[in-house]
N, C-alpha and C. Protein backbone atom coordinates (compact mmCIF):
# COMPACT_ATOMS: atom_id res chain seq x y z
N MET A 1 19.92 167.52 -81.29
CA MET A 1 19.74 166.52 -80.02
C MET A 1 19.77 166.99 -78.89
N GLY A 2 19.15 167.13 -77.81
CA GLY A 2 19.43 167.53 -76.47
C GLY A 2 19.94 166.52 -75.60
N LYS A 3 20.43 167.11 -74.62
CA LYS A 3 21.20 166.18 -73.60
C LYS A 3 20.29 165.46 -72.88
N THR A 4 20.54 164.19 -72.52
CA THR A 4 19.86 163.45 -71.31
C THR A 4 20.37 163.46 -70.17
N LYS A 5 19.91 163.07 -69.29
CA LYS A 5 20.31 163.32 -67.82
C LYS A 5 20.60 161.99 -67.32
N LYS A 6 21.64 161.40 -66.83
CA LYS A 6 21.68 159.94 -66.35
C LYS A 6 21.61 160.23 -64.76
N THR A 7 20.82 159.41 -64.37
CA THR A 7 20.40 159.37 -62.86
C THR A 7 20.42 158.30 -62.13
N GLY A 8 20.55 158.33 -60.79
CA GLY A 8 20.51 156.99 -60.02
C GLY A 8 21.89 156.47 -59.69
N ILE A 9 21.91 155.35 -59.10
CA ILE A 9 23.14 154.84 -58.79
C ILE A 9 23.48 153.90 -59.87
N SER A 10 22.76 153.47 -60.91
CA SER A 10 23.51 152.96 -62.32
C SER A 10 23.83 153.94 -63.35
N ALA A 11 23.83 155.08 -63.04
CA ALA A 11 24.69 156.15 -63.75
C ALA A 11 26.01 155.72 -64.16
N THR A 12 26.51 154.95 -63.23
CA THR A 12 28.02 154.66 -63.65
C THR A 12 28.21 153.87 -64.81
N PHE A 13 27.25 152.95 -65.20
CA PHE A 13 27.48 152.11 -66.18
C PHE A 13 27.21 152.69 -67.62
N GLY A 14 26.56 153.99 -67.73
CA GLY A 14 26.47 154.71 -68.77
C GLY A 14 25.42 154.00 -69.64
N PRO A 15 25.79 153.73 -71.04
CA PRO A 15 24.94 152.98 -72.00
C PRO A 15 25.26 151.48 -72.06
N ARG A 16 25.95 150.93 -71.26
CA ARG A 16 26.33 149.61 -71.23
C ARG A 16 25.36 148.86 -70.47
N TYR A 17 25.13 147.52 -71.01
CA TYR A 17 24.56 146.30 -70.31
C TYR A 17 23.07 146.48 -70.76
N GLY A 18 22.34 147.62 -71.24
CA GLY A 18 20.95 147.58 -71.52
C GLY A 18 20.07 148.25 -70.44
N ALA A 19 18.93 148.79 -70.75
CA ALA A 19 18.22 149.63 -69.74
C ALA A 19 17.55 148.73 -68.75
N ASN A 20 17.02 147.52 -69.04
CA ASN A 20 16.39 146.60 -68.22
C ASN A 20 17.33 146.10 -67.18
N VAL A 21 18.48 145.70 -67.74
CA VAL A 21 19.59 145.32 -66.64
C VAL A 21 20.01 146.26 -65.68
N ARG A 22 20.14 147.83 -66.10
CA ARG A 22 20.50 148.66 -65.20
C ARG A 22 19.29 148.85 -64.41
N LYS A 23 18.03 148.78 -64.80
CA LYS A 23 16.91 149.05 -63.92
C LYS A 23 16.83 148.19 -62.69
N LYS A 24 17.03 147.03 -63.15
CA LYS A 24 16.90 145.76 -62.15
C LYS A 24 17.89 146.12 -61.12
N TRP A 25 19.25 146.19 -61.51
CA TRP A 25 20.20 146.41 -60.64
C TRP A 25 20.22 147.46 -59.72
N ARG A 26 19.72 148.81 -60.23
CA ARG A 26 19.53 149.86 -59.46
C ARG A 26 18.30 149.55 -58.34
N LEU A 27 17.25 148.71 -58.58
CA LEU A 27 16.41 148.46 -57.59
C LEU A 27 16.90 147.91 -56.51
N ILE A 28 17.75 146.57 -56.92
CA ILE A 28 18.38 145.75 -55.85
C ILE A 28 19.15 146.62 -55.05
N MET A 29 20.20 147.39 -55.58
CA MET A 29 21.26 148.06 -54.72
C MET A 29 20.66 149.20 -54.06
N GLU A 30 19.48 150.00 -54.33
CA GLU A 30 18.87 150.92 -53.53
C GLU A 30 18.15 150.24 -52.32
N ASN A 31 17.78 149.02 -52.49
CA ASN A 31 16.97 148.35 -51.47
C ASN A 31 18.00 147.68 -50.58
N GLN A 32 19.15 147.36 -50.97
CA GLN A 32 20.06 146.88 -49.96
C GLN A 32 21.03 147.94 -49.24
N LYS A 33 21.20 149.05 -50.11
CA LYS A 33 22.19 150.02 -49.56
C LYS A 33 21.56 151.14 -48.87
N GLY A 34 20.23 151.31 -49.11
CA GLY A 34 19.41 152.07 -48.53
C GLY A 34 18.98 151.79 -46.86
N GLY A 35 19.27 150.59 -46.64
CA GLY A 35 18.85 150.26 -45.09
C GLY A 35 17.35 150.00 -45.15
N THR A 36 16.60 149.64 -46.18
CA THR A 36 15.13 149.58 -45.98
C THR A 36 14.90 148.11 -45.75
N LEU A 37 16.13 147.16 -45.75
CA LEU A 37 15.60 145.65 -45.28
C LEU A 37 15.49 145.66 -43.77
N LYS A 38 14.38 144.87 -43.36
CA LYS A 38 14.05 144.93 -41.90
C LYS A 38 14.26 143.19 -41.50
N CYS A 39 14.86 143.26 -40.16
CA CYS A 39 15.18 141.99 -39.86
C CYS A 39 13.70 141.46 -39.29
N PRO A 40 13.25 140.14 -39.60
CA PRO A 40 11.90 139.66 -39.23
C PRO A 40 11.80 139.41 -37.79
N ARG A 41 12.82 139.30 -37.02
CA ARG A 41 12.63 138.90 -35.63
C ARG A 41 12.83 140.19 -34.90
N CYS A 42 13.61 141.06 -34.91
CA CYS A 42 13.86 142.18 -34.30
C CYS A 42 13.37 143.52 -34.89
N GLU A 43 12.80 143.38 -36.25
CA GLU A 43 12.34 144.61 -36.95
C GLU A 43 13.45 145.69 -36.91
N THR A 44 14.66 145.64 -37.15
CA THR A 44 15.71 146.65 -37.09
C THR A 44 15.92 146.93 -38.44
N LYS A 45 15.84 148.18 -38.97
CA LYS A 45 16.16 148.43 -40.34
C LYS A 45 17.66 148.66 -40.35
N GLY A 46 18.54 148.27 -41.41
CA GLY A 46 19.94 148.64 -41.75
C GLY A 46 20.85 147.54 -41.04
N SER A 47 20.25 146.57 -40.36
CA SER A 47 21.35 145.66 -39.60
C SER A 47 21.30 144.17 -40.45
N ILE A 48 20.93 144.14 -41.75
CA ILE A 48 20.76 142.85 -42.19
C ILE A 48 22.05 142.94 -43.20
N ASN A 49 22.75 141.82 -43.56
CA ASN A 49 23.64 141.52 -44.37
C ASN A 49 23.49 140.30 -45.20
N ARG A 50 23.72 140.05 -46.28
CA ARG A 50 23.41 138.87 -47.20
C ARG A 50 24.73 138.02 -47.03
N VAL A 51 24.42 136.74 -46.69
CA VAL A 51 25.57 135.92 -46.21
C VAL A 51 26.00 135.22 -47.57
N SER A 52 25.11 134.86 -48.30
CA SER A 52 25.03 134.03 -49.69
C SER A 52 23.81 133.90 -50.31
N THR A 53 23.74 133.49 -51.44
CA THR A 53 22.37 133.43 -51.95
C THR A 53 21.06 132.73 -51.20
N GLY A 54 20.29 133.77 -50.80
CA GLY A 54 19.18 133.23 -49.94
C GLY A 54 19.45 133.33 -48.52
N ILE A 55 20.39 133.59 -48.00
CA ILE A 55 20.88 133.41 -46.64
C ILE A 55 21.04 134.93 -46.08
N TRP A 56 20.27 135.16 -45.05
CA TRP A 56 20.55 136.52 -44.40
C TRP A 56 20.98 136.50 -43.09
N HIS A 57 21.67 137.48 -42.45
CA HIS A 57 22.09 137.62 -41.00
C HIS A 57 21.88 138.86 -40.48
N CYS A 58 21.33 139.08 -39.16
CA CYS A 58 20.94 140.29 -38.52
C CYS A 58 22.29 140.43 -37.61
N LYS A 59 22.79 141.58 -37.71
CA LYS A 59 24.03 141.96 -36.68
C LYS A 59 23.52 142.10 -35.28
N LYS A 60 22.43 143.02 -35.32
CA LYS A 60 21.87 143.20 -33.99
C LYS A 60 21.24 141.68 -32.88
N CYS A 61 20.48 141.16 -33.39
CA CYS A 61 20.07 139.94 -32.82
C CYS A 61 20.67 138.80 -33.22
N ASN A 62 21.66 138.78 -34.10
CA ASN A 62 22.31 137.39 -34.41
C ASN A 62 21.39 136.28 -34.84
N ALA A 63 20.47 136.74 -35.84
CA ALA A 63 19.44 135.99 -36.28
C ALA A 63 19.91 135.62 -37.47
N LYS A 64 19.77 134.36 -37.90
CA LYS A 64 20.34 133.61 -39.41
C LYS A 64 18.82 133.35 -39.87
N PHE A 65 18.48 133.70 -41.34
CA PHE A 65 17.29 133.28 -41.58
C PHE A 65 17.48 133.33 -43.42
N THR A 66 16.29 132.36 -44.06
CA THR A 66 16.44 132.54 -45.28
C THR A 66 15.46 133.24 -46.12
N GLY A 67 15.79 133.58 -47.28
CA GLY A 67 14.63 134.59 -48.17
C GLY A 67 15.14 134.61 -49.42
N GLY A 68 14.96 135.45 -50.23
CA GLY A 68 15.33 135.59 -51.48
C GLY A 68 16.59 135.82 -51.82
N ALA A 69 17.11 135.89 -53.07
CA ALA A 69 18.39 135.99 -53.35
C ALA A 69 18.77 137.54 -53.18
N TYR A 70 17.79 138.45 -53.28
CA TYR A 70 18.12 139.87 -53.38
C TYR A 70 17.26 140.60 -52.41
N ASN A 71 16.48 139.82 -51.70
CA ASN A 71 15.46 140.47 -50.82
C ASN A 71 15.44 139.52 -49.36
N THR A 72 15.03 140.02 -48.53
CA THR A 72 14.93 139.27 -47.12
C THR A 72 13.54 138.17 -47.41
N GLN A 73 12.58 138.66 -48.04
CA GLN A 73 11.39 137.83 -48.01
C GLN A 73 10.82 137.54 -49.56
N THR A 74 10.39 136.55 -49.89
CA THR A 74 10.02 136.25 -51.32
C THR A 74 8.50 136.40 -51.21
N PRO A 75 7.65 136.76 -52.31
CA PRO A 75 6.08 136.67 -52.16
C PRO A 75 5.59 135.31 -51.86
N ARG A 76 6.25 134.46 -52.22
CA ARG A 76 5.50 133.18 -51.98
C ARG A 76 6.09 132.98 -50.23
N GLY A 77 6.81 133.21 -49.95
CA GLY A 77 7.19 133.08 -48.40
C GLY A 77 6.27 133.85 -47.46
N ALA A 78 5.99 134.95 -48.16
CA ALA A 78 5.21 135.95 -47.53
C ALA A 78 3.86 135.43 -47.28
N GLU A 79 3.23 134.86 -48.45
CA GLU A 79 2.02 134.21 -48.39
C GLU A 79 1.71 133.11 -47.61
N SER A 80 2.79 132.11 -47.47
CA SER A 80 3.00 130.86 -46.54
C SER A 80 2.68 131.45 -45.20
N PHE A 81 3.59 132.43 -44.56
CA PHE A 81 3.55 133.10 -43.55
C PHE A 81 2.04 133.71 -43.13
N ARG A 82 1.24 134.27 -43.99
CA ARG A 82 0.14 134.58 -43.78
C ARG A 82 -0.93 133.42 -43.47
N ILE A 83 -0.94 132.54 -44.48
CA ILE A 83 -1.65 131.16 -44.21
C ILE A 83 -1.32 130.56 -42.91
N ALA A 84 -0.17 130.42 -42.37
CA ALA A 84 0.11 129.66 -41.19
C ALA A 84 -0.42 130.69 -40.19
N LYS A 85 -0.33 131.83 -40.29
CA LYS A 85 -0.84 132.55 -39.09
C LYS A 85 -2.48 132.52 -39.02
N ARG A 86 -3.04 132.49 -40.01
CA ARG A 86 -4.40 132.18 -40.30
C ARG A 86 -4.81 131.07 -39.65
N LYS A 87 -4.13 130.08 -39.98
CA LYS A 87 -4.59 128.56 -39.28
C LYS A 87 -4.37 128.63 -38.01
N GLN A 88 -3.31 129.49 -37.44
CA GLN A 88 -3.10 129.32 -36.21
C GLN A 88 -4.19 130.13 -35.35
N ARG A 89 -4.80 131.03 -35.86
CA ARG A 89 -5.76 131.92 -35.32
C ARG A 89 -6.94 131.06 -35.16
N GLU A 90 -7.44 130.22 -36.30
CA GLU A 90 -8.43 129.39 -36.47
C GLU A 90 -8.28 128.46 -35.44
N LEU A 91 -7.24 127.66 -35.17
CA LEU A 91 -6.99 126.60 -34.12
C LEU A 91 -7.44 127.15 -32.74
N GLU A 92 -6.87 128.31 -32.55
CA GLU A 92 -7.07 128.84 -31.10
C GLU A 92 -8.58 129.23 -30.79
N THR A 93 -9.24 129.62 -32.02
CA THR A 93 -10.59 129.99 -31.61
C THR A 93 -11.62 128.91 -31.37
N ILE A 94 -10.91 127.57 -32.10
CA ILE A 94 -11.71 126.26 -31.95
C ILE A 94 -11.53 125.83 -30.69
N GLU A 95 -10.37 125.99 -30.07
CA GLU A 95 -9.91 125.48 -28.62
C GLU A 95 -10.76 126.31 -27.56
N GLU A 96 -11.03 127.22 -27.78
CA GLU A 96 -11.75 128.20 -26.82
C GLU A 96 -13.08 127.95 -26.70
């Protein structure tokens, strides 16, 4: 039997907790620790901290906003934002 290589941030768990749990945890931690989360107000990467479940705080612009438990934006929230922007554009074209 050949050796297998443990990779990623979840390698510290070894064979414990199951493959799916380790994969989900790895994705969440890489997203938060990698600094890929952007502030929706100032668009700065790496300045976001999670205050509690679904509440986020930007250190640079001091903005506090809601989002998902492990990400700053949920798919449903992004969809609502797109719909609101589209409705606003439609109203602006009607007024002109």
